[in-house]
Structures are given as structure tokens and as C-alpha cells.
Amino acid sequence: MTEATSYIIGGLVILGSLLSLAAAVGVIRLPDVYCRNHAASKSSTLGVLFVLIAAMLFFWWDSQYFSARLLLGIIFVFITAPVGAHLMTRAAYYTNVKLSNTSIQDDLRDKKEQEEAQLKRVRG
């Protein structure tokens, strides 16, 4: 492994760590569950991806070993983390978790009202 590859791998680890730190700060500082979930899902997903890519590159360049497990981990995290975060946020919305007082737009309000009206019509 050359010195340049060491810098690339180290840079990816540091970038992943900073993104994970940003996710932690977002979870602590943001006002409601929707914003916190956004920060936790986006930043932590990218942070984990950068660290896993750095680990995969390290084993590939250092010992000529391509780890399919790390590649599958990258794909799994990239697919499941945003979907899970979306489902948790939607569940919070449909269980009437309030938006922050500073929120100015509720894109799902009309859709939720239409679904509730349709449900009332079906039930009679």
C-alpha cells in the first residue's frame, strides 16, 4: 500500500466520522422527530458508507483481498437505512406526532385528510 492510498483511506474514515458526528449533533439539536430522523438517516448512512468503503479499500489494497461481505454491507445499509427512516417518520406522522412550531409546510396534511374521509365513507 502506497502513502497516497493511506491518505485516501484515512480521508474516507475521517469524512465518515465527521458525517456520523453531524448526525449525532442533528439528533440532539433539531426541534422535532421528523428533522431528527432526517439528520440521523441521511448523515449516518453516508458516514457508515464512507467507513465501510474505506475498510473495503484497505483490505483490497493492503492484502489484495476483495471483501464481498463489506460490499454487501454497503449495499444493505444504502438500501435499508433510508427506507427504514422513511417508514418511521411516516408512522410518527400517522400517529399524530406534532410538527415543530417552526415548521411552515405540511405536505402530507391533504393526503391524510383525503385518506381519513375515504375511510369514513367506506365504514359508513
Foldseek 3Di string as FASTA:
>chain_A
DDPVLVVVLVVLLVQLVVLCVQLVVQLVPDDFPLSNLVSVLVSNLSSVLSNLVSVQSCCCVPVVDHDVVSVVVNVCSVPPSVVVSVVVVVVCVVVPRDDDPPDDDDPCPVVVVVVVVVVVVVVD
